Amino acid sequence: MESKLYYEHVEETQSHSDEALARLVQAGDTDSYGVLVERYQARLLRYGRKFLSDSDDIVDIVQDVFMNAYQNIQSFDTIQSFSPWLYRIAHNAFANALKKKSYRLLSFIDFDTLVSHAGRDESIDAERDQVEIKKMIDAGLTHLAPKYREVLVLYYLEGMSYKAIADIVRVPVGTVGIRIRRAKKQLRLIYAKLNISYGA
């Protein structure tokens, strides 16, 4: 019976915004937090895979992120966007993990996500372009410093705005733009060094 009520509640709140769900959680509705977890679990696991190589550790850290977010939900200002607030907690957790262990930064990028964010032309030429872009990203991203890698991941893969990224990594909006430009410049240099070319 309790399980049925939970699933009925989940179905009822599916259309709620993240911020509306957070308000319900702040008012004591713990089931609504389960809806938020379902919405963000896969995204945070994917986010973690861009920085850490141990799948078990990523799962554990994401669980800790959700626990930490739940424990601090009262501090969330529901007038603001929930996503950057949660990603800031995740950013801190993964940054701490990187400091504690010498993880190998991964080159793998969820290319389908990148393409869907940037928009895609289904023509044959565009498909060829996507293959080339993937090769460039895979070849170059591992050579970037974490601060540059992260802004590219947040912007291109997670679809975050400069403002949201600034909130997550705790730097001014202008700094986000500078880091993205510098990251692209560094990637071009890396590609040249690796003798990888791409279009015009």
C-alpha atoms as a PDB file:
ATOM      1  CA  MET A   1       0.000   0.000   0.000  1.00  0.00           C
ATOM      2  CA  GLU A   2       2.809   2.373   0.957  1.00  0.00           C
ATOM      3  CA  SER A   3       4.615   1.591  -2.307  1.00  0.00           C
ATOM      4  CA  LYS A   4       1.456   2.283  -4.292  1.00  0.00           C
ATOM      5  CA  LEU A   5       1.011   5.643  -2.563  1.00  0.00           C
ATOM      6  CA  TYR A   6       4.631   6.511  -3.313  1.00  0.00           C
ATOM      7  CA  TYR A   7       4.275   5.769  -7.023  1.00  0.00           C
ATOM      8  CA  GLU A   8       1.012   7.694  -7.160  1.00  0.00           C
ATOM      9  CA  HIS A   9       2.809  10.625  -5.546  1.00  0.00           C
ATOM     10  CA  VAL A  10       5.694  10.350  -8.021  1.00  0.00           C
ATOM     11  CA  GLU A  11       3.280  10.318 -10.951  1.00  0.00           C
ATOM     12  CA  GLU A  12       1.452  13.337  -9.532  1.00  0.00           C
ATOM     13  CA  THR A  13       4.645  15.385  -9.072  1.00  0.00           C
ATOM     14  CA  GLN A  14       6.394  14.456 -12.345  1.00  0.00           C
ATOM     15  CA  SER A  15       5.231  17.677 -13.980  1.00  0.00           C
ATOM     16  CA  HIS A  16       6.474  19.857 -11.094  1.00  0.00           C
ATOM     17  CA  SER A  17       9.537  22.010 -11.633  1.00  0.00           C
ATOM     18  CA  ASP A  18      12.699  21.177  -9.715  1.00  0.00           C
ATOM     19  CA  GLU A  19      12.186  24.252  -7.583  1.00  0.00           C
ATOM     20  CA  ALA A  20       8.576  23.307  -6.769  1.00  0.00           C
ATOM     21  CA  LEU A  21       9.736  19.853  -5.717  1.00  0.00           C
ATOM     22  CA  ALA A  22      12.464  21.400  -3.553  1.00  0.00           C
ATOM     23  CA  ARG A  23       9.821  23.518  -1.811  1.00  0.00           C
ATOM     24  CA  LEU A  24       7.804  20.375  -1.093  1.00  0.00           C
ATOM     25  CA  VAL A  25      10.900  18.693   0.349  1.00  0.00           C
ATOM     26  CA  GLN A  26      11.593  21.739   2.525  1.00  0.00           C
ATOM     27  CA  ALA A  27       8.038  21.404   3.834  1.00  0.00           C
ATOM     28  CA  GLY A  28       8.702  17.790   4.855  1.00  0.00           C
ATOM     29  CA  ASP A  29       7.643  15.856   1.742  1.00  0.00           C
ATOM     30  CA  THR A  30      10.509  13.358   1.469  1.00  0.00           C
ATOM     31  CA  ASP A  31       8.897  11.484  -1.439  1.00  0.00           C
ATOM     32  CA  SER A  32       9.369  14.542  -3.639  1.00  0.00           C
ATOM     33  CA  TYR A  33      13.102  14.287  -3.076  1.00  0.00           C
ATOM     34  CA  GLY A  34      12.954  10.856  -4.687  1.00  0.00           C
ATOM     35  CA  VAL A  35      11.624  12.517  -7.839  1.00  0.00           C
ATOM     36  CA  LEU A  36      14.579  14.921  -7.859  1.00  0.00           C
ATOM     37  CA  VAL A  37      16.985  12.016  -7.405  1.00  0.00           C
ATOM     38  CA  GLU A  38      15.423  10.197 -10.363  1.00  0.00           C
ATOM     39  CA  ARG A  39      15.764  13.322 -12.500  1.00  0.00           C
ATOM     40  CA  TYR A  40      19.410  13.946 -11.725  1.00  0.00           C
ATOM     41  CA  GLN A  41      20.989  10.583 -10.931  1.00  0.00           C
ATOM     42  CA  ALA A  42      21.923   9.639 -14.500  1.00  0.00           C
ATOM     43  CA  ARG A  43      23.123  13.168 -15.236  1.00  0.00           C
ATOM     44  CA  LEU A  44      25.404  13.283 -12.204  1.00  0.00           C
ATOM     45  CA  LEU A  45      26.794   9.819 -12.939  1.00  0.00           C
ATOM     46  CA  ARG A  46      27.581  10.972 -16.473  1.00  0.00           C
ATOM     47  CA  TYR A  47      29.124  14.155 -15.081  1.00  0.00           C
ATOM     48  CA  GLY A  48      31.353  12.153 -12.754  1.00  0.00           C
ATOM     49  CA  ARG A  49      32.560   9.911 -15.573  1.00  0.00           C
ATOM     50  CA  LYS A  50      34.101  12.950 -17.247  1.00  0.00           C
ATOM     51  CA  PHE A  51      36.521  13.310 -14.337  1.00  0.00           C
ATOM     52  CA  LEU A  52      36.922  10.012 -12.491  1.00  0.00           C
ATOM     53  CA  SER A  53      37.840   6.562 -13.746  1.00  0.00           C
ATOM     54  CA  ASP A  54      36.435   4.306 -10.996  1.00  0.00           C
ATOM     55  CA  SER A  55      32.745   3.561 -11.596  1.00  0.00           C
ATOM     56  CA  ASP A  56      32.161   2.307  -8.046  1.00  0.00           C
ATOM     57  CA  ASP A  57      33.625   5.495  -6.592  1.00  0.00           C
ATOM     58  CA  ILE A  58      31.489   7.640  -8.906  1.00  0.00           C
ATOM     59  CA  VAL A  59      28.323   5.878  -7.711  1.00  0.00           C
ATOM     60  CA  ASP A  60      29.351   6.354  -4.081  1.00  0.00           C
ATOM     61  CA  ILE A  61      30.136  10.037  -4.599  1.00  0.00           C
ATOM     62  CA  VAL A  62      26.835  10.673  -6.369  1.00  0.00           C
ATOM     63  CA  GLN A  63      24.999   9.022  -3.469  1.00  0.00           C
ATOM     64  CA  ASP A  64      26.918  11.289  -1.087  1.00  0.00           C
ATOM     65  CA  VAL A  65      25.971  14.301  -3.221  1.00  0.00           C
ATOM     66  CA  PHE A  66      22.274  13.470  -2.936  1.00  0.00           C
ATOM     67  CA  MET A  67      22.617  12.883   0.803  1.00  0.00           C
ATOM     68  CA  ASN A  68      24.451  16.175   1.254  1.00  0.00           C
ATOM     69  CA  ALA A  69      21.887  18.026  -0.854  1.00  0.00           C
ATOM     70  CA  TYR A  70      19.034  16.539   1.168  1.00  0.00           C
ATOM     71  CA  GLN A  71      20.668  17.482   4.461  1.00  0.00           C
ATOM     72  CA  ASN A  72      21.161  21.042   3.233  1.00  0.00           C
ATOM     73  CA  ILE A  73      17.902  21.452   1.304  1.00  0.00           C
ATOM     74  CA  GLN A  74      16.671  24.109   3.720  1.00  0.00           C
ATOM     75  CA  SER A  75      19.527  26.360   2.616  1.00  0.00           C
ATOM     76  CA  PHE A  76      18.390  26.215  -1.012  1.00  0.00           C
ATOM     77  CA  ASP A  77      16.664  29.399  -2.181  1.00  0.00           C
ATOM     78  CA  THR A  78      13.755  28.117  -4.282  1.00  0.00           C
ATOM     79  CA  ILE A  79      13.634  31.413  -6.156  1.00  0.00           C
ATOM     80  CA  GLN A  80      16.926  30.330  -7.729  1.00  0.00           C
ATOM     81  CA  SER A  81      17.469  27.443 -10.133  1.00  0.00           C
ATOM     82  CA  PHE A  82      17.909  24.044  -8.472  1.00  0.00           C
ATOM     83  CA  SER A  83      20.249  22.555 -11.076  1.00  0.00           C
ATOM     84  CA  PRO A  84      23.308  24.819 -10.481  1.00  0.00           C
ATOM     85  CA  TRP A  85      22.874  24.430  -6.722  1.00  0.00           C
ATOM     86  CA  LEU A  86      23.003  20.639  -7.005  1.00  0.00           C
ATOM     87  CA  TYR A  87      25.860  20.697  -9.501  1.00  0.00           C
ATOM     88  CA  ARG A  88      27.850  22.950  -7.159  1.00  0.00           C
ATOM     89  CA  ILE A  89      27.603  20.243  -4.489  1.00  0.00           C
ATOM     90  CA  ALA A  90      28.640  17.634  -7.071  1.00  0.00           C
ATOM     91  CA  HIS A  91      31.506  19.840  -8.267  1.00  0.00           C
ATOM     92  CA  ASN A  92      32.858  20.116  -4.722  1.00  0.00           C
ATOM     93  CA  ALA A  93      32.521  16.371  -4.136  1.00  0.00           C
ATOM     94  CA  PHE A  94      34.331  15.393  -7.328  1.00  0.00           C
ATOM     95  CA  ALA A  95      36.997  18.064  -6.825  1.00  0.00           C
ATOM     96  CA  ASN A  96      37.692  16.677  -3.343  1.00  0.00           C
ATOM     97  CA  ALA A  97      37.892  13.150  -4.749  1.00  0.00           C
ATOM     98  CA  LEU A  98      40.427  14.283  -7.322  1.00  0.00           C
ATOM     99  CA  LYS A  99      42.545  15.846  -4.612  1.00  0.00           C
ATOM    100  CA  LYS A 100      42.479  12.712  -2.446  1.00  0.00           C
ATOM    101  CA  LYS A 101      43.367  10.299  -5.223  1.00  0.00           C
ATOM    102  CA  SER A 102      45.401  10.577  -8.390  1.00  0.00           C
ATOM    103  CA  TYR A 103      42.594   9.683 -10.741  1.00  0.00           C
ATOM    104  CA  ARG A 104      43.316   9.351 -14.413  1.00  0.00           C
ATOM    105  CA  LEU A 105      41.194  11.938 -16.222  1.00  0.00           C
ATOM    106  CA  LEU A 106      39.180  10.273 -18.932  1.00  0.00           C
ATOM    107  CA  SER A 107      39.056  11.214 -22.588  1.00  0.00           C
ATOM    108  CA  PHE A 108      35.616   9.739 -23.191  1.00  0.00           C
ATOM    109  CA  ILE A 109      32.875  12.225 -24.019  1.00  0.00           C
ATOM    110  CA  ASP A 110      29.191  11.455 -24.406  1.00  0.00           C
ATOM    111  CA  PHE A 111      29.170  12.685 -27.979  1.00  0.00           C
ATOM    112  CA  ASP A 112      25.438  12.203 -28.560  1.00  0.00           C
ATOM    113  CA  THR A 113      24.782  14.626 -25.714  1.00  0.00           C
ATOM    114  CA  LEU A 114      27.209  17.154 -27.180  1.00  0.00           C
ATOM    115  CA  VAL A 115      25.560  16.966 -30.580  1.00  0.00           C
ATOM    116  CA  SER A 116      22.049  17.263 -29.181  1.00  0.00           C
ATOM    117  CA  HIS A 117      23.060  20.371 -27.224  1.00  0.00           C
ATOM    118  CA  ALA A 118      24.805  22.046 -30.159  1.00  0.00           C
ATOM    119  CA  GLY A 119      22.102  21.141 -32.650  1.00  0.00           C
ATOM    120  CA  ARG A 120      22.628  18.823 -35.585  1.00  0.00           C
ATOM    121  CA  ASP A 121      22.055  18.652 -39.301  1.00  0.00           C
ATOM    122  CA  GLU A 122      21.188  15.132 -40.346  1.00  0.00           C
ATOM    123  CA  SER A 123      23.008  15.457 -43.685  1.00  0.00           C
ATOM    124  CA  ILE A 124      25.838  13.073 -44.580  1.00  0.00           C
ATOM    125  CA  ASP A 125      28.362  15.916 -44.399  1.00  0.00           C
ATOM    126  CA  ALA A 126      27.204  16.786 -40.877  1.00  0.00           C
ATOM    127  CA  GLU A 127      27.579  13.147 -39.822  1.00  0.00           C
ATOM    128  CA  ARG A 128      31.146  13.188 -41.104  1.00  0.00           C
ATOM    129  CA  ASP A 129      31.769  16.426 -39.224  1.00  0.00           C
ATOM    130  CA  GLN A 130      30.494  14.856 -36.005  1.00  0.00           C
ATOM    131  CA  VAL A 131      32.923  11.949 -36.346  1.00  0.00           C
ATOM    132  CA  GLU A 132      35.789  14.390 -36.815  1.00  0.00           C
ATOM    133  CA  ILE A 133      34.715  16.509 -33.855  1.00  0.00           C
ATOM    134  CA  LYS A 134      34.494  13.427 -31.654  1.00  0.00           C
ATOM    135  CA  LYS A 135      38.011  12.433 -32.644  1.00  0.00           C
ATOM    136  CA  MET A 136      39.259  15.917 -31.760  1.00  0.00           C
ATOM    137  CA  ILE A 137      37.557  15.942 -28.386  1.00  0.00           C
ATOM    138  CA  ASP A 138      38.730  12.448 -27.483  1.00  0.00           C
ATOM    139  CA  ALA A 139      42.293  13.270 -28.498  1.00  0.00           C
ATOM    140  CA  GLY A 140      42.553  16.622 -26.789  1.00  0.00           C
ATOM    141  CA  LEU A 141      40.418  16.808 -23.672  1.00  0.00           C
ATOM    142  CA  THR A 142      42.683  14.685 -21.498  1.00  0.00           C
ATOM    143  CA  HIS A 143      45.464  17.223 -21.979  1.00  0.00           C
ATOM    144  CA  LEU A 144      43.447  20.092 -20.496  1.00  0.00           C
ATOM    145  CA  ALA A 145      43.747  21.242 -16.891  1.00  0.00           C
ATOM    146  CA  PRO A 146      40.666  20.277 -14.823  1.00  0.00           C
ATOM    147  CA  LYS A 147      39.458  23.898 -14.569  1.00  0.00           C
ATOM    148  CA  TYR A 148      39.302  24.119 -18.377  1.00  0.00           C
ATOM    149  CA  ARG A 149      37.950  20.619 -18.864  1.00  0.00           C
ATOM    150  CA  GLU A 150      35.121  21.247 -16.415  1.00  0.00           C
ATOM    151  CA  VAL A 151      33.772  24.428 -18.032  1.00  0.00           C
ATOM    152  CA  LEU A 152      33.710  22.701 -21.427  1.00  0.00           C
ATOM    153  CA  VAL A 153      31.869  19.705 -19.983  1.00  0.00           C
ATOM    154  CA  LEU A 154      29.343  21.908 -18.172  1.00  0.00           C
ATOM    155  CA  TYR A 155      28.773  24.145 -21.179  1.00  0.00           C
ATOM    156  CA  TYR A 156      28.719  21.662 -24.058  1.00  0.00           C
ATOM    157  CA  LEU A 157      27.588  18.446 -22.368  1.00  0.00           C
ATOM    158  CA  GLU A 158      25.383  19.646 -19.550  1.00  0.00           C
ATOM    159  CA  GLY A 159      23.982  22.621 -21.465  1.00  0.00           C
ATOM    160  CA  MET A 160      24.667  25.076 -18.657  1.00  0.00           C
ATOM    161  CA  SER A 161      24.686  28.838 -19.161  1.00  0.00           C
ATOM    162  CA  TYR A 162      27.749  30.914 -18.267  1.00  0.00           C
ATOM    163  CA  LYS A 163      25.852  32.176 -15.214  1.00  0.00           C
ATOM    164  CA  ALA A 164      25.039  28.650 -14.029  1.00  0.00           C
ATOM    165  CA  ILE A 165      28.632  27.527 -14.549  1.00  0.00           C
ATOM    166  CA  ALA A 166      29.857  30.557 -12.610  1.00  0.00           C
ATOM    167  CA  ASP A 167      27.572  29.587  -9.724  1.00  0.00           C
ATOM    168  CA  ILE A 168      28.833  26.004  -9.776  1.00  0.00           C
ATOM    169  CA  VAL A 169      32.582  26.619  -9.909  1.00  0.00           C
ATOM    170  CA  ARG A 170      32.371  29.858  -7.870  1.00  0.00           C
ATOM    171  CA  VAL A 171      34.043  32.232 -10.294  1.00  0.00           C
ATOM    172  CA  PRO A 172      32.760  35.405 -12.005  1.00  0.00           C
ATOM    173  CA  VAL A 173      30.772  34.962 -15.214  1.00  0.00           C
ATOM    174  CA  GLY A 174      33.533  36.703 -17.149  1.00  0.00           C
ATOM    175  CA  THR A 175      36.031  34.138 -15.903  1.00  0.00           C
ATOM    176  CA  VAL A 176      33.865  31.335 -17.289  1.00  0.00           C
ATOM    177  CA  GLY A 177      33.996  32.923 -20.735  1.00  0.00           C
ATOM    178  CA  ILE A 178      37.754  33.387 -20.460  1.00  0.00           C
ATOM    179  CA  ARG A 179      38.265  29.755 -19.427  1.00  0.00           C
ATOM    180  CA  ILE A 180      36.144  28.473 -22.300  1.00  0.00           C
ATOM    181  CA  ARG A 181      38.063  30.619 -24.797  1.00  0.00           C
ATOM    182  CA  ARG A 182      41.402  29.541 -23.327  1.00  0.00           C
ATOM    183  CA  ALA A 183      40.313  25.911 -23.355  1.00  0.00           C
ATOM    184  CA  LYS A 184      39.419  26.127 -27.041  1.00  0.00           C
ATOM    185  CA  LYS A 185      42.737  27.828 -27.778  1.00  0.00           C
ATOM    186  CA  GLN A 186      44.623  25.137 -25.877  1.00  0.00           C
ATOM    187  CA  LEU A 187      42.712  22.426 -27.712  1.00  0.00           C
ATOM    188  CA  ARG A 188      43.714  23.947 -31.059  1.00  0.00           C
ATOM    189  CA  LEU A 189      47.360  23.887 -29.953  1.00  0.00           C
ATOM    190  CA  ILE A 190      46.987  20.304 -28.740  1.00  0.00           C
ATOM    191  CA  TYR A 191      45.401  19.263 -32.016  1.00  0.00           C
ATOM    192  CA  ALA A 192      48.234  20.901 -33.941  1.00  0.00           C
ATOM    193  CA  LYS A 193      50.813  19.123 -31.783  1.00  0.00           C
ATOM    194  CA  LEU A 194      49.008  15.800 -32.294  1.00  0.00           C
ATOM    195  CA  ASN A 195      48.693  16.560 -35.990  1.00  0.00           C
ATOM    196  CA  ILE A 196      44.894  16.369 -35.908  1.00  0.00           C
ATOM    197  CA  SER A 197      43.059  18.634 -38.300  1.00  0.00           C
ATOM    198  CA  TYR A 198      39.402  19.487 -38.598  1.00  0.00           C
ATOM    199  CA  GLY A 199      37.705  21.315 -41.421  1.00  0.00           C
ATOM    200  CA  ALA A 200      37.959  25.102 -41.604  1.00  0.00           C
END
